[in-house]
PDB file of N, CA and C in Angstrom:
ATOM      1  N   UNK A   1     -20.991  16.181   0.313  1.00  0.00           N
ATOM      2  CA  UNK A   1     -21.100  15.526   1.649  1.00  0.00           C
ATOM      3  C   UNK A   1     -19.726  15.705   2.600  1.00  0.00           C
ATOM      4  N   UNK A   2     -19.599  15.570   3.625  1.00  0.00           N
ATOM      5  CA  UNK A   2     -18.209  15.862   4.542  1.00  0.00           C
ATOM      6  C   UNK A   2     -17.584  14.881   4.405  1.00  0.00           C
ATOM      7  N   UNK A   3     -16.144  14.726   4.368  1.00  0.00           N
ATOM      8  CA  UNK A   3     -15.452  13.494   4.082  1.00  0.00           C
ATOM      9  C   UNK A   3     -15.017  13.107   3.286  1.00  0.00           C
ATOM     10  N   UNK A   4     -15.779  13.338   1.794  1.00  0.00           N
ATOM     11  CA  UNK A   4     -15.552  12.925   0.535  1.00  0.00           C
ATOM     12  C   UNK A   4     -14.396  13.768   0.072  1.00  0.00           C
ATOM     13  N   UNK A   5     -13.769  12.779  -0.824  1.00  0.00           N
ATOM     14  CA  UNK A   5     -12.559  13.254  -1.730  1.00  0.00           C
ATOM     15  C   UNK A   5     -12.727  13.976  -2.976  1.00  0.00           C
ATOM     16  N   UNK A   6     -12.115  15.072  -3.671  1.00  0.00           N
ATOM     17  CA  UNK A   6     -12.634  15.373  -4.925  1.00  0.00           C
ATOM     18  C   UNK A   6     -12.185  14.373  -6.042  1.00  0.00           C
ATOM     19  N   UNK A   7     -12.736  13.992  -7.052  1.00  0.00           N
ATOM     20  CA  UNK A   7     -12.477  13.016  -7.911  1.00  0.00           C
ATOM     21  C   UNK A   7     -11.078  13.457  -8.631  1.00  0.00           C
ATOM     22  N   UNK A   8     -10.309  12.532  -9.270  1.00  0.00           N
ATOM     23  CA  UNK A   8      -8.901  12.789  -9.700  1.00  0.00           C
ATOM     24  C   UNK A   8      -9.239  12.167 -11.265  1.00  0.00           C
ATOM     25  N   UNK A   9      -8.949  12.801 -12.401  1.00  0.00           N
ATOM     26  CA  UNK A   9      -9.245  12.417 -13.477  1.00  0.00           C
ATOM     27  C   UNK A   9      -7.754  12.176 -14.455  1.00  0.00           C
ATOM     28  N   UNK A  10      -7.207  11.411 -14.896  1.00  0.00           N
ATOM     29  CA  UNK A  10      -5.922  11.403 -15.758  1.00  0.00           C
ATOM     30  C   UNK A  10      -5.700  10.194 -16.502  1.00  0.00           C
ATOM     31  N   UNK A  11      -4.475  10.205 -17.145  1.00  0.00           N
ATOM     32  CA  UNK A  11      -3.861   9.040 -17.560  1.00  0.00           C
ATOM     33  C   UNK A  11      -2.812   8.703 -17.080  1.00  0.00           C
ATOM     34  N   UNK A  12      -2.621   7.277 -16.428  1.00  0.00           N
ATOM     35  CA  UNK A  12      -1.239   6.602 -15.707  1.00  0.00           C
ATOM     36  C   UNK A  12      -0.487   6.522 -16.743  1.00  0.00           C
ATOM     37  N   UNK A  13       0.537   7.649 -16.363  1.00  0.00           N
ATOM     38  CA  UNK A  13       1.878   7.657 -17.273  1.00  0.00           C
ATOM     39  C   UNK A  13       2.964   6.679 -16.824  1.00  0.00           C
ATOM     40  N   UNK A  14       2.938   6.856 -15.471  1.00  0.00           N
ATOM     41  CA  UNK A  14       4.281   5.573 -14.800  1.00  0.00           C
ATOM     42  C   UNK A  14       3.538   5.301 -13.180  1.00  0.00           C
ATOM     43  N   UNK A  15       4.096   3.887 -13.292  1.00  0.00           N
ATOM     44  CA  UNK A  15       3.810   3.422 -11.930  1.00  0.00           C
ATOM     45  C   UNK A  15       5.219   2.691 -11.542  1.00  0.00           C
ATOM     46  N   UNK A  16       5.253   2.872 -10.226  1.00  0.00           N
ATOM     47  CA  UNK A  16       6.735   2.206  -9.747  1.00  0.00           C
ATOM     48  C   UNK A  16       5.391   1.604  -8.489  1.00  0.00           C
ATOM     49  N   UNK A  17       6.062   0.448  -8.253  1.00  0.00           N
ATOM     50  CA  UNK A  17       5.590  -0.729  -7.037  1.00  0.00           C
ATOM     51  C   UNK A  17       7.081  -0.911  -6.307  1.00  0.00           C
ATOM     52  N   UNK A  18       6.912  -0.589  -5.047  1.00  0.00           N
ATOM     53  CA  UNK A  18       8.284  -0.953  -4.211  1.00  0.00           C
ATOM     54  C   UNK A  18       7.989  -1.588  -3.044  1.00  0.00           C
ATOM     55  N   UNK A  19       8.272  -2.831  -2.878  1.00  0.00           N
ATOM     56  CA  UNK A  19       8.182  -3.703  -1.875  1.00  0.00           C
ATOM     57  C   UNK A  19       9.446  -3.783  -0.973  1.00  0.00           C
ATOM     58  N   UNK A  20       9.008  -4.279   0.361  1.00  0.00           N
ATOM     59  CA  UNK A  20      10.282  -4.106   1.175  1.00  0.00           C
ATOM     60  C   UNK A  20       9.896  -5.210   2.430  1.00  0.00           C
ATOM     61  N   UNK A  21      10.997  -5.674   2.927  1.00  0.00           N
ATOM     62  CA  UNK A  21      10.688  -6.537   4.040  1.00  0.00           C
ATOM     63  C   UNK A  21      10.177  -5.530   5.479  1.00  0.00           C
ATOM     64  N   UNK A  22       9.266  -6.421   6.404  1.00  0.00           N
ATOM     65  CA  UNK A  22       9.179  -5.809   7.454  1.00  0.00           C
ATOM     66  C   UNK A  22       9.017  -6.726   8.423  1.00  0.00           C
ATOM     67  N   UNK A  23       9.522  -6.525   9.686  1.00  0.00           N
ATOM     68  CA  UNK A  23       9.513  -7.406  10.818  1.00  0.00           C
ATOM     69  C   UNK A  23       7.812  -7.646  11.176  1.00  0.00           C
ATOM     70  N   UNK A  24       7.785  -8.942  11.373  1.00  0.00           N
ATOM     71  CA  UNK A  24       6.382  -9.756  11.555  1.00  0.00           C
ATOM     72  C   UNK A  24       5.383  -8.772  12.775  1.00  0.00           C
ATOM     73  N   UNK A  25       5.959  -8.417  13.532  1.00  0.00           N
ATOM     74  CA  UNK A  25       5.353  -7.807  14.843  1.00  0.00           C
ATOM     75  C   UNK A  25       4.793  -6.520  14.617  1.00  0.00           C
ATOM     76  N   UNK A  26       6.007  -5.671  13.508  1.00  0.00           N
ATOM     77  CA  UNK A  26       5.507  -4.382  13.605  1.00  0.00           C
ATOM     78  C   UNK A  26       4.249  -4.389  12.464  1.00  0.00           C
ATOM     79  N   UNK A  27       3.814  -5.500  11.526  1.00  0.00           N
ATOM     80  CA  UNK A  27       2.847  -5.646  10.846  1.00  0.00           C
ATOM     81  C   UNK A  27       1.681  -5.988  11.721  1.00  0.00           C
ATOM     82  N   UNK A  28       1.768  -6.950  12.732  1.00  0.00           N
ATOM     83  CA  UNK A  28       0.784  -7.501  13.442  1.00  0.00           C
ATOM     84  C   UNK A  28       0.363  -5.881  14.315  1.00  0.00           C
ATOM     85  N   UNK A  29       1.229  -5.251  14.894  1.00  0.00           N
ATOM     86  CA  UNK A  29       0.555  -3.906  15.418  1.00  0.00           C
ATOM     87  C   UNK A  29      -0.415  -3.154  14.218  1.00  0.00           C
ATOM     88  N   UNK A  30      -0.310  -3.360  13.400  1.00  0.00           N
ATOM     89  CA  UNK A  30      -0.938  -2.448  11.876  1.00  0.00           C
ATOM     90  C   UNK A  30      -2.222  -3.235  11.618  1.00  0.00           C
ATOM     91  N   UNK A  31      -2.397  -4.581  11.621  1.00  0.00           N
ATOM     92  CA  UNK A  31      -3.375  -5.646  11.291  1.00  0.00           C
ATOM     93  C   UNK A  31      -4.470  -5.828  12.296  1.00  0.00           C
ATOM     94  N   UNK A  32      -5.932  -5.478  11.631  1.00  0.00           N
ATOM     95  CA  UNK A  32      -7.071  -5.592  12.761  1.00  0.00           C
ATOM     96  C   UNK A  32      -7.104  -7.077  13.078  1.00  0.00           C
ATOM     97  N   UNK A  33      -7.850  -7.385  14.308  1.00  0.00           N
ATOM     98  CA  UNK A  33      -8.119  -8.802  14.591  1.00  0.00           C
ATOM     99  C   UNK A  33      -9.085  -9.425  13.413  1.00  0.00           C
ATOM    100  N   UNK A  34      -8.958 -10.841  12.958  1.00  0.00           N
ATOM    101  CA  UNK A  34      -8.426 -11.601  13.377  1.00  0.00           C
ATOM    102  C   UNK A  34      -7.138 -12.152  12.580  1.00  0.00           C
ATOM    103  N   UNK A  35      -6.621 -10.643  11.650  1.00  0.00           N
ATOM    104  CA  UNK A  35      -5.667 -11.243  10.708  1.00  0.00           C
ATOM    105  C   UNK A  35      -4.450 -11.105  11.162  1.00  0.00           C
ATOM    106  N   UNK A  36      -3.330 -12.020  10.490  1.00  0.00           N
ATOM    107  CA  UNK A  36      -1.978 -12.308  10.948  1.00  0.00           C
ATOM    108  C   UNK A  36      -1.244 -12.081  10.357  1.00  0.00           C
ATOM    109  N   UNK A  37       0.134 -11.256  10.012  1.00  0.00           N
ATOM    110  CA  UNK A  37       0.830 -11.402   8.818  1.00  0.00           C
ATOM    111  C   UNK A  37       1.445 -12.343   8.510  1.00  0.00           C
ATOM    112  N   UNK A  38       1.293 -12.770   7.072  1.00  0.00           N
ATOM    113  CA  UNK A  38       2.094 -14.043   6.314  1.00  0.00           C
ATOM    114  C   UNK A  38       3.479 -13.889   6.131  1.00  0.00           C
ATOM    115  N   UNK A  39       4.356 -14.541   6.469  1.00  0.00           N
ATOM    116  CA  UNK A  39       5.735 -14.417   6.176  1.00  0.00           C
ATOM    117  C   UNK A  39       6.545 -15.383   5.287  1.00  0.00           C
ATOM    118  N   UNK A  40       7.444 -15.142   4.637  1.00  0.00           N
ATOM    119  CA  UNK A  40       8.466 -15.561   3.809  1.00  0.00           C
ATOM    120  C   UNK A  40       9.613 -15.662   4.620  1.00  0.00           C
ATOM    121  N   UNK A  41      10.429 -16.753   5.081  1.00  0.00           N
ATOM    122  CA  UNK A  41      11.609 -16.789   5.344  1.00  0.00           C
ATOM    123  C   UNK A  41      11.692 -15.815   6.684  1.00  0.00           C
ATOM    124  N   UNK A  42      10.638 -15.568   7.507  1.00  0.00           N
ATOM    125  CA  UNK A  42      10.782 -15.231   8.554  1.00  0.00           C
ATOM    126  C   UNK A  42      10.310 -13.462   8.458  1.00  0.00           C
ATOM    127  N   UNK A  43       9.983 -12.959   7.502  1.00  0.00           N
ATOM    128  CA  UNK A  43       9.597 -11.449   7.026  1.00  0.00           C
ATOM    129  C   UNK A  43       8.528 -11.675   6.375  1.00  0.00           C
ATOM    130  N   UNK A  44       7.815 -10.260   6.750  1.00  0.00           N
ATOM    131  CA  UNK A  44       6.358  -9.862   6.337  1.00  0.00           C
ATOM    132  C   UNK A  44       6.741  -8.939   5.069  1.00  0.00           C
ATOM    133  N   UNK A  45       5.987  -8.539   4.252  1.00  0.00           N
ATOM    134  CA  UNK A  45       5.935  -7.752   3.291  1.00  0.00           C
ATOM    135  C   UNK A  45       5.068  -6.453   3.100  1.00  0.00           C
ATOM    136  N   UNK A  46       5.869  -5.415   3.018  1.00  0.00           N
ATOM    137  CA  UNK A  46       5.280  -3.819   2.956  1.00  0.00           C
ATOM    138  C   UNK A  46       5.584  -3.360   1.602  1.00  0.00           C
ATOM    139  N   UNK A  47       4.390  -2.693   0.918  1.00  0.00           N
ATOM    140  CA  UNK A  47       4.754  -1.834  -0.012  1.00  0.00           C
ATOM    141  C   UNK A  47       4.213  -0.372  -0.137  1.00  0.00           C
ATOM    142  N   UNK A  48       4.488   0.044  -1.670  1.00  0.00           N
ATOM    143  CA  UNK A  48       3.696   1.371  -1.525  1.00  0.00           C
ATOM    144  C   UNK A  48       3.879   1.604  -3.364  1.00  0.00           C
ATOM    145  N   UNK A  49       2.696   2.110  -3.810  1.00  0.00           N
ATOM    146  CA  UNK A  49       2.498   1.968  -5.190  1.00  0.00           C
ATOM    147  C   UNK A  49       2.437   3.762  -5.377  1.00  0.00           C
ATOM    148  N   UNK A  50       3.606   4.131  -6.352  1.00  0.00           N
ATOM    149  CA  UNK A  50       3.682   5.273  -6.752  1.00  0.00           C
ATOM    150  C   UNK A  50       3.035   5.421  -8.071  1.00  0.00           C
ATOM    151  N   UNK A  51       2.339   6.485  -8.177  1.00  0.00           N
ATOM    152  CA  UNK A  51       1.524   6.723 -10.066  1.00  0.00           C
ATOM    153  C   UNK A  51       1.466   8.058 -10.056  1.00  0.00           C
ATOM    154  N   UNK A  52       2.161   8.137 -11.249  1.00  0.00           N
ATOM    155  CA  UNK A  52       2.163   9.752 -11.989  1.00  0.00           C
ATOM    156  C   UNK A  52       0.949   9.640 -13.222  1.00  0.00           C
ATOM    157  N   UNK A  53      -0.115  10.954 -12.279  1.00  0.00           N
ATOM    158  CA  UNK A  53      -0.840  10.976 -13.768  1.00  0.00           C
ATOM    159  C   UNK A  53      -0.324  12.364 -14.683  1.00  0.00           C
ATOM    160  N   UNK A  54      -1.263  12.062 -15.880  1.00  0.00           N
ATOM    161  CA  UNK A  54      -1.069  13.130 -16.792  1.00  0.00           C
ATOM    162  C   UNK A  54      -2.218  13.460 -17.062  1.00  0.00           C
ATOM    163  N   UNK A  55      -2.369  14.751 -17.925  1.00  0.00           N
ATOM    164  CA  UNK A  55      -3.907  15.009 -18.235  1.00  0.00           C
ATOM    165  C   UNK A  55      -4.377  13.970 -19.369  1.00  0.00           C
ATOM    166  N   UNK A  56      -5.648  14.187 -19.249  1.00  0.00           N
ATOM    167  CA  UNK A  56      -6.311  13.281 -20.210  1.00  0.00           C
ATOM    168  C   UNK A  56      -6.176  13.721 -21.943  1.00  0.00           C
TER     169      UNK A  56
END
Protein backbone atom coordinates (compact mmCIF):
# COMPACT_ATOMS: atom_id res chain seq x y z
CA UNK A 1 0.00 0.00 0.00
CA UNK A 2 1.21 3.49 -0.76
CA UNK A 3 2.29 5.55 2.22
CA UNK A 4 2.86 2.66 4.61
CA UNK A 5 6.08 2.60 6.61
CA UNK A 6 8.12 -0.60 6.94
CA UNK A 7 7.92 -2.48 10.23
CA UNK A 8 10.79 -1.94 12.66
CA UNK A 9 11.59 -4.65 15.20
CA UNK A 10 14.05 -4.57 18.05
CA UNK A 11 14.54 -4.28 21.76
CA UNK A 12 14.53 -0.87 23.42
CA UNK A 13 18.05 -0.43 24.77
CA UNK A 14 17.70 3.16 25.95
CA UNK A 15 15.00 5.84 26.22
CA UNK A 16 15.51 9.52 26.81
CA UNK A 17 12.57 11.88 27.27
CA UNK A 18 13.47 15.55 26.93
CA UNK A 19 10.83 18.12 27.92
CA UNK A 20 11.16 21.85 27.43
CA UNK A 21 9.21 25.08 27.91
CA UNK A 22 7.36 26.50 24.91
CA UNK A 23 5.62 29.82 24.39
CA UNK A 24 1.85 29.14 24.42
CA UNK A 25 1.33 31.17 21.22
CA UNK A 26 3.75 28.87 19.36
CA UNK A 27 1.81 25.82 20.56
CA UNK A 28 -1.51 27.42 19.66
CA UNK A 29 -0.39 27.63 16.00
CA UNK A 30 0.33 23.88 15.94
CA UNK A 31 -2.76 22.56 17.71
CA UNK A 32 -5.89 21.83 15.67
CA UNK A 33 -9.21 23.39 16.64
CA UNK A 34 -10.74 23.24 19.25
CA UNK A 35 -7.62 22.43 21.32
CA UNK A 36 -5.86 25.07 23.43
CA UNK A 37 -2.46 24.65 25.10
CA UNK A 38 -2.44 24.00 28.82
CA UNK A 39 0.05 26.15 30.69
CA UNK A 40 1.98 25.99 33.96
CA UNK A 41 3.34 29.31 35.24
CA UNK A 42 2.66 30.80 31.79
CA UNK A 43 4.53 28.15 29.77
CA UNK A 44 3.42 25.23 27.62
CA UNK A 45 5.36 21.97 27.51
CA UNK A 46 6.98 20.37 24.46
CA UNK A 47 8.91 17.13 24.37
CA UNK A 48 10.72 14.57 22.32
CA UNK A 49 11.34 10.91 23.05
CA UNK A 50 14.58 9.39 21.75
CA UNK A 51 14.63 5.59 21.54
CA UNK A 52 17.66 3.40 20.82
CA UNK A 53 16.79 -0.02 19.42
CA UNK A 54 19.10 -3.06 19.31
CA UNK A 55 18.67 -6.40 17.55
CA UNK A 56 16.23 -8.86 19.05
